[in-house]
Amino acid sequence: MKKIIAVILTGLLSACLLTACGGDGGEIAGTFKSVKDNEIWVMTYDKSLDDYNQNITRFSEETGEKYGSIINAHLKRKGDWISGQKEKYFIKVIDKNTLQFRDDEDDIYKRVE
């Protein structure tokens, strides 16, 4: 009987701890490269705010030189999606090494090792 109670209490405690965790702890932080063009995403994670910042850098197909950079700040992970302040479905998380822009199956980003 004591073993059953101990197992139940352990299960309840684990469930409570997982619920209180909130975000993913920054598992998506890293550098990702587009499989279709010369674009790099650097995803950084701010633990204190539990959010991501995305720095997008674009490179010329012809010369390889950097020609543009954009920063998207305060992105929140919600399940399989990283949401922007205005867009609920901004970046789809396929797994921790693969991201997809919106729901475009051809716009995939792979983690750079």
N, C-alpha and C. Protein backbone atom coordinates (compact mmCIF):
# COMPACT_ATOMS: atom_id res chain seq x y z
N MET A 1 0.82 -1.19 0.00
CA MET A 1 0.00 0.00 0.00
C MET A 1 0.87 1.26 0.00
N LYS A 2 1.94 1.23 0.82
CA LYS A 2 2.82 2.39 0.89
C LYS A 2 3.51 2.63 -0.44
N LYS A 3 3.85 1.55 -1.15
CA LYS A 3 4.50 1.68 -2.45
C LYS A 3 3.55 2.33 -3.47
N ILE A 4 2.30 1.95 -3.42
CA ILE A 4 1.31 2.51 -4.34
C ILE A 4 1.15 4.01 -4.08
N ILE A 5 1.06 4.38 -2.83
CA ILE A 5 0.93 5.81 -2.47
C ILE A 5 2.18 6.57 -2.90
N ALA A 6 3.35 5.98 -2.70
CA ALA A 6 4.60 6.63 -3.11
C ALA A 6 4.64 6.84 -4.61
N VAL A 7 4.21 5.84 -5.39
CA VAL A 7 4.19 5.96 -6.85
C VAL A 7 3.21 7.04 -7.28
N ILE A 8 2.05 7.09 -6.69
CA ILE A 8 1.04 8.10 -7.04
C ILE A 8 1.56 9.49 -6.70
N LEU A 9 2.14 9.66 -5.52
CA LEU A 9 2.67 10.97 -5.13
C LEU A 9 3.82 11.41 -6.04
N THR A 10 4.68 10.48 -6.41
CA THR A 10 5.78 10.80 -7.32
C THR A 10 5.22 11.24 -8.68
N GLY A 11 4.23 10.55 -9.17
CA GLY A 11 3.59 10.92 -10.44
C GLY A 11 2.95 12.29 -10.39
N LEU A 12 2.24 12.58 -9.32
CA LEU A 12 1.60 13.89 -9.16
C LEU A 12 2.63 15.00 -9.06
N LEU A 13 3.69 14.76 -8.31
CA LEU A 13 4.74 15.75 -8.17
C LEU A 13 5.41 16.02 -9.51
N SER A 14 5.69 14.99 -10.28
CA SER A 14 6.30 15.15 -11.61
C SER A 14 5.40 15.95 -12.52
N ALA A 15 4.11 15.65 -12.51
CA ALA A 15 3.16 16.38 -13.34
C ALA A 15 3.11 17.85 -12.95
N CYS A 16 3.12 18.14 -11.67
CA CYS A 16 3.11 19.53 -11.21
C CYS A 16 4.37 20.27 -11.63
N LEU A 17 5.51 19.63 -11.53
CA LEU A 17 6.78 20.27 -11.93
C LEU A 17 6.81 20.54 -13.42
N LEU A 18 6.34 19.59 -14.23
CA LEU A 18 6.33 19.80 -15.67
C LEU A 18 5.37 20.91 -16.06
N THR A 19 4.26 21.02 -15.41
CA THR A 19 3.30 22.08 -15.70
C THR A 19 3.87 23.44 -15.37
N ALA A 20 4.62 23.54 -14.32
CA ALA A 20 5.18 24.82 -13.89
C ALA A 20 6.35 25.28 -14.74
N CYS A 21 6.90 24.41 -15.58
CA CYS A 21 8.09 24.74 -16.34
C CYS A 21 7.87 25.86 -17.35
N GLY A 22 6.72 25.95 -17.96
CA GLY A 22 6.48 27.01 -18.93
C GLY A 22 7.03 26.64 -20.29
N GLY A 23 8.02 27.41 -20.77
CA GLY A 23 8.57 27.24 -22.11
C GLY A 23 9.44 26.01 -22.25
N ASP A 24 10.21 26.02 -23.33
CA ASP A 24 11.02 24.86 -23.64
C ASP A 24 12.45 24.97 -23.14
N GLY A 25 12.81 26.04 -22.47
CA GLY A 25 14.15 26.19 -21.92
C GLY A 25 15.20 26.56 -22.95
N GLY A 26 14.79 26.94 -24.13
CA GLY A 26 15.73 27.42 -25.14
C GLY A 26 16.28 26.36 -26.06
N GLU A 27 15.61 25.23 -26.23
CA GLU A 27 16.14 24.16 -27.07
C GLU A 27 16.24 24.56 -28.54
N ILE A 28 15.55 25.59 -28.96
CA ILE A 28 15.59 26.01 -30.36
C ILE A 28 16.70 27.04 -30.61
N ALA A 29 17.35 27.50 -29.57
CA ALA A 29 18.44 28.46 -29.76
C ALA A 29 19.54 27.83 -30.61
N GLY A 30 20.07 28.62 -31.55
CA GLY A 30 21.15 28.13 -32.40
C GLY A 30 21.10 28.80 -33.76
N THR A 31 21.93 28.30 -34.67
CA THR A 31 22.02 28.85 -36.02
C THR A 31 21.40 27.86 -37.00
N PHE A 32 20.55 28.38 -37.88
CA PHE A 32 19.85 27.57 -38.86
C PHE A 32 20.06 28.15 -40.26
N LYS A 33 20.24 27.28 -41.25
CA LYS A 33 20.41 27.72 -42.64
C LYS A 33 19.27 27.20 -43.48
N SER A 34 18.80 28.08 -44.36
CA SER A 34 17.72 27.71 -45.28
C SER A 34 18.22 26.65 -46.26
N VAL A 35 17.36 25.69 -46.59
CA VAL A 35 17.74 24.68 -47.58
C VAL A 35 17.48 25.16 -49.00
N LYS A 36 16.74 26.27 -49.16
CA LYS A 36 16.42 26.71 -50.52
C LYS A 36 17.13 27.99 -50.95
N ASP A 37 17.64 28.78 -50.02
CA ASP A 37 18.34 30.00 -50.43
C ASP A 37 19.43 30.35 -49.42
N ASN A 38 20.08 31.47 -49.64
CA ASN A 38 21.20 31.89 -48.78
C ASN A 38 20.70 32.77 -47.64
N GLU A 39 20.00 32.16 -46.73
CA GLU A 39 19.48 32.88 -45.57
C GLU A 39 19.85 32.12 -44.31
N ILE A 40 20.31 32.86 -43.31
CA ILE A 40 20.71 32.28 -42.02
C ILE A 40 19.83 32.87 -40.93
N TRP A 41 19.33 32.01 -40.06
CA TRP A 41 18.61 32.45 -38.87
C TRP A 41 19.46 32.15 -37.66
N VAL A 42 19.65 33.14 -36.80
CA VAL A 42 20.28 32.90 -35.50
C VAL A 42 19.19 33.12 -34.46
N MET A 43 18.83 32.03 -33.79
CA MET A 43 17.79 32.07 -32.77
C MET A 43 18.47 32.12 -31.41
N THR A 44 18.21 33.19 -30.65
CA THR A 44 18.75 33.30 -29.30
C THR A 44 17.60 33.22 -28.31
N TYR A 45 17.91 32.76 -27.12
CA TYR A 45 16.88 32.55 -26.10
C TYR A 45 17.18 33.39 -24.88
N ASP A 46 16.17 34.11 -24.40
CA ASP A 46 16.30 34.90 -23.18
C ASP A 46 15.55 34.17 -22.07
N LYS A 47 16.29 33.55 -21.18
CA LYS A 47 15.68 32.73 -20.12
C LYS A 47 14.80 33.56 -19.19
N SER A 48 15.22 34.79 -18.90
CA SER A 48 14.46 35.61 -17.95
C SER A 48 13.08 35.98 -18.49
N LEU A 49 12.95 36.11 -19.81
CA LEU A 49 11.66 36.44 -20.43
C LEU A 49 10.97 35.23 -21.05
N ASP A 50 11.69 34.09 -21.09
CA ASP A 50 11.20 32.88 -21.73
C ASP A 50 10.75 33.18 -23.16
N ASP A 51 11.63 33.86 -23.92
CA ASP A 51 11.30 34.13 -25.31
C ASP A 51 12.54 34.05 -26.19
N TYR A 52 12.30 34.06 -27.49
CA TYR A 52 13.35 33.97 -28.49
C TYR A 52 13.47 35.28 -29.25
N ASN A 53 14.67 35.52 -29.76
CA ASN A 53 14.92 36.59 -30.72
C ASN A 53 15.47 35.91 -31.96
N GLN A 54 15.04 36.38 -33.12
CA GLN A 54 15.46 35.81 -34.39
C GLN A 54 16.21 36.89 -35.17
N ASN A 55 17.46 36.61 -35.53
CA ASN A 55 18.23 37.51 -36.38
C ASN A 55 18.36 36.83 -37.74
N ILE A 56 17.75 37.44 -38.76
CA ILE A 56 17.76 36.89 -40.11
C ILE A 56 18.81 37.63 -40.91
N THR A 57 19.72 36.90 -41.54
CA THR A 57 20.73 37.50 -42.40
C THR A 57 20.59 36.89 -43.78
N ARG A 58 20.54 37.75 -44.78
CA ARG A 58 20.41 37.30 -46.17
C ARG A 58 21.71 37.57 -46.91
N PHE A 59 22.08 36.62 -47.79
CA PHE A 59 23.30 36.72 -48.57
C PHE A 59 22.96 36.64 -50.05
N SER A 60 23.69 37.39 -50.87
CA SER A 60 23.50 37.41 -52.31
C SER A 60 23.82 36.04 -52.90
N GLU A 61 22.97 35.56 -53.82
CA GLU A 61 23.20 34.29 -54.50
C GLU A 61 24.45 34.37 -55.39
N GLU A 62 24.67 35.55 -56.01
CA GLU A 62 25.77 35.70 -56.95
C GLU A 62 27.12 35.88 -56.25
N THR A 63 27.18 36.78 -55.28
CA THR A 63 28.47 37.12 -54.66
C THR A 63 28.68 36.50 -53.29
N GLY A 64 27.61 36.08 -52.66
CA GLY A 64 27.73 35.54 -51.31
C GLY A 64 27.84 36.60 -50.24
N GLU A 65 27.78 37.88 -50.64
CA GLU A 65 27.89 38.98 -49.69
C GLU A 65 26.58 39.22 -48.96
N LYS A 66 26.70 39.64 -47.71
CA LYS A 66 25.53 39.97 -46.89
C LYS A 66 24.85 41.20 -47.48
N TYR A 67 23.53 41.14 -47.65
CA TYR A 67 22.82 42.31 -48.15
C TYR A 67 21.62 42.70 -47.30
N GLY A 68 21.30 41.96 -46.28
CA GLY A 68 20.17 42.35 -45.46
C GLY A 68 20.15 41.62 -44.14
N SER A 69 19.57 42.29 -43.16
CA SER A 69 19.46 41.71 -41.82
C SER A 69 18.19 42.23 -41.16
N ILE A 70 17.48 41.33 -40.51
CA ILE A 70 16.22 41.67 -39.83
C ILE A 70 16.26 41.01 -38.45
N ILE A 71 15.71 41.69 -37.44
CA ILE A 71 15.60 41.10 -36.11
C ILE A 71 14.12 41.06 -35.72
N ASN A 72 13.67 39.89 -35.33
CA ASN A 72 12.33 39.71 -34.77
C ASN A 72 12.51 39.37 -33.30
N ALA A 73 11.97 40.20 -32.43
CA ALA A 73 12.20 40.04 -30.99
C ALA A 73 10.95 39.53 -30.28
N HIS A 74 11.17 38.95 -29.12
CA HIS A 74 10.12 38.50 -28.20
C HIS A 74 9.17 37.49 -28.84
N LEU A 75 9.75 36.48 -29.46
CA LEU A 75 8.96 35.39 -30.01
C LEU A 75 8.74 34.35 -28.92
N LYS A 76 7.54 33.84 -28.83
CA LYS A 76 7.17 32.88 -27.77
C LYS A 76 6.89 31.51 -28.38
N ARG A 77 7.41 30.48 -27.73
CA ARG A 77 7.12 29.12 -28.17
C ARG A 77 5.81 28.66 -27.53
N LYS A 78 4.92 28.16 -28.40
CA LYS A 78 3.63 27.61 -27.96
C LYS A 78 3.43 26.29 -28.68
N GLY A 79 3.81 25.22 -28.04
CA GLY A 79 3.69 23.89 -28.65
C GLY A 79 4.65 23.74 -29.82
N ASP A 80 4.10 23.44 -30.99
CA ASP A 80 4.91 23.25 -32.19
C ASP A 80 5.16 24.55 -32.95
N TRP A 81 4.79 25.68 -32.39
CA TRP A 81 4.93 26.95 -33.08
C TRP A 81 5.68 27.97 -32.22
N ILE A 82 6.44 28.81 -32.90
CA ILE A 82 7.02 29.99 -32.27
C ILE A 82 6.23 31.16 -32.83
N SER A 83 5.56 31.88 -31.96
CA SER A 83 4.63 32.93 -32.36
C SER A 83 5.28 34.30 -32.24
N GLY A 84 4.92 35.16 -33.20
CA GLY A 84 5.33 36.55 -33.12
C GLY A 84 4.28 37.34 -32.37
N GLN A 85 4.53 38.61 -32.17
CA GLN A 85 3.57 39.45 -31.47
C GLN A 85 2.29 39.63 -32.27
N LYS A 86 2.39 39.59 -33.60
CA LYS A 86 1.21 39.77 -34.45
C LYS A 86 0.79 38.49 -35.15
N GLU A 87 1.73 37.54 -35.30
CA GLU A 87 1.43 36.32 -36.03
C GLU A 87 1.47 35.11 -35.11
N LYS A 88 0.35 34.42 -35.02
CA LYS A 88 0.26 33.26 -34.14
C LYS A 88 1.08 32.08 -34.68
N TYR A 89 1.08 31.88 -35.99
CA TYR A 89 1.79 30.76 -36.62
C TYR A 89 2.94 31.31 -37.45
N PHE A 90 4.05 31.64 -36.79
CA PHE A 90 5.18 32.31 -37.43
C PHE A 90 6.26 31.31 -37.87
N ILE A 91 6.74 30.49 -36.93
CA ILE A 91 7.76 29.49 -37.23
C ILE A 91 7.29 28.15 -36.67
N LYS A 92 7.23 27.15 -37.52
CA LYS A 92 6.83 25.82 -37.07
C LYS A 92 8.08 25.05 -36.64
N VAL A 93 8.02 24.44 -35.47
CA VAL A 93 9.12 23.63 -34.97
C VAL A 93 8.87 22.18 -35.38
N ILE A 94 9.65 21.71 -36.35
CA ILE A 94 9.53 20.31 -36.77
C ILE A 94 10.20 19.44 -35.71
N ASP A 95 11.42 19.78 -35.37
CA ASP A 95 12.15 19.20 -34.24
C ASP A 95 13.22 20.22 -33.86
N LYS A 96 14.06 19.91 -32.87
CA LYS A 96 15.01 20.92 -32.39
C LYS A 96 16.08 21.27 -33.43
N ASN A 97 16.19 20.50 -34.50
CA ASN A 97 17.16 20.76 -35.55
C ASN A 97 16.55 21.25 -36.85
N THR A 98 15.22 21.35 -36.91
CA THR A 98 14.54 21.71 -38.15
C THR A 98 13.39 22.67 -37.86
N LEU A 99 13.41 23.81 -38.52
CA LEU A 99 12.35 24.80 -38.41
C LEU A 99 11.74 25.04 -39.79
N GLN A 100 10.49 25.47 -39.81
CA GLN A 100 9.79 25.75 -41.05
C GLN A 100 9.15 27.12 -40.94
N PHE A 101 9.32 27.95 -41.96
CA PHE A 101 8.72 29.27 -41.95
C PHE A 101 7.24 29.15 -42.28
N ARG A 102 6.42 29.63 -41.34
CA ARG A 102 4.96 29.53 -41.43
C ARG A 102 4.55 28.10 -41.76
N ASP A 103 3.68 27.91 -42.73
CA ASP A 103 3.27 26.54 -43.09
C ASP A 103 3.72 26.18 -44.49
N ASP A 104 4.82 26.80 -44.95
CA ASP A 104 5.39 26.54 -46.27
C ASP A 104 6.33 25.35 -46.18
N GLU A 105 5.92 24.21 -46.71
CA GLU A 105 6.71 22.98 -46.62
C GLU A 105 8.04 23.08 -47.37
N ASP A 106 8.20 24.06 -48.26
CA ASP A 106 9.44 24.24 -49.01
C ASP A 106 10.39 25.21 -48.33
N ASP A 107 9.97 25.88 -47.27
CA ASP A 107 10.79 26.89 -46.59
C ASP A 107 11.31 26.32 -45.27
N ILE A 108 12.31 25.43 -45.39
CA ILE A 108 12.84 24.69 -44.25
C ILE A 108 14.22 25.24 -43.87
N TYR A 109 14.48 25.24 -42.57
CA TYR A 109 15.77 25.68 -42.03
C TYR A 109 16.34 24.56 -41.19
N LYS A 110 17.61 24.19 -41.47
CA LYS A 110 18.28 23.11 -40.75
C LYS A 110 19.37 23.72 -39.83
N ARG A 111 19.50 23.14 -38.65
CA ARG A 111 20.52 23.59 -37.70
C ARG A 111 21.91 23.39 -38.29
N VAL A 112 22.75 24.41 -38.11
CA VAL A 112 24.13 24.36 -38.54
C VAL A 112 24.96 23.88 -37.36
N GLU A 113 25.74 22.84 -37.56
CA GLU A 113 26.56 22.28 -36.47
C GLU A 113 27.80 23.10 -36.25
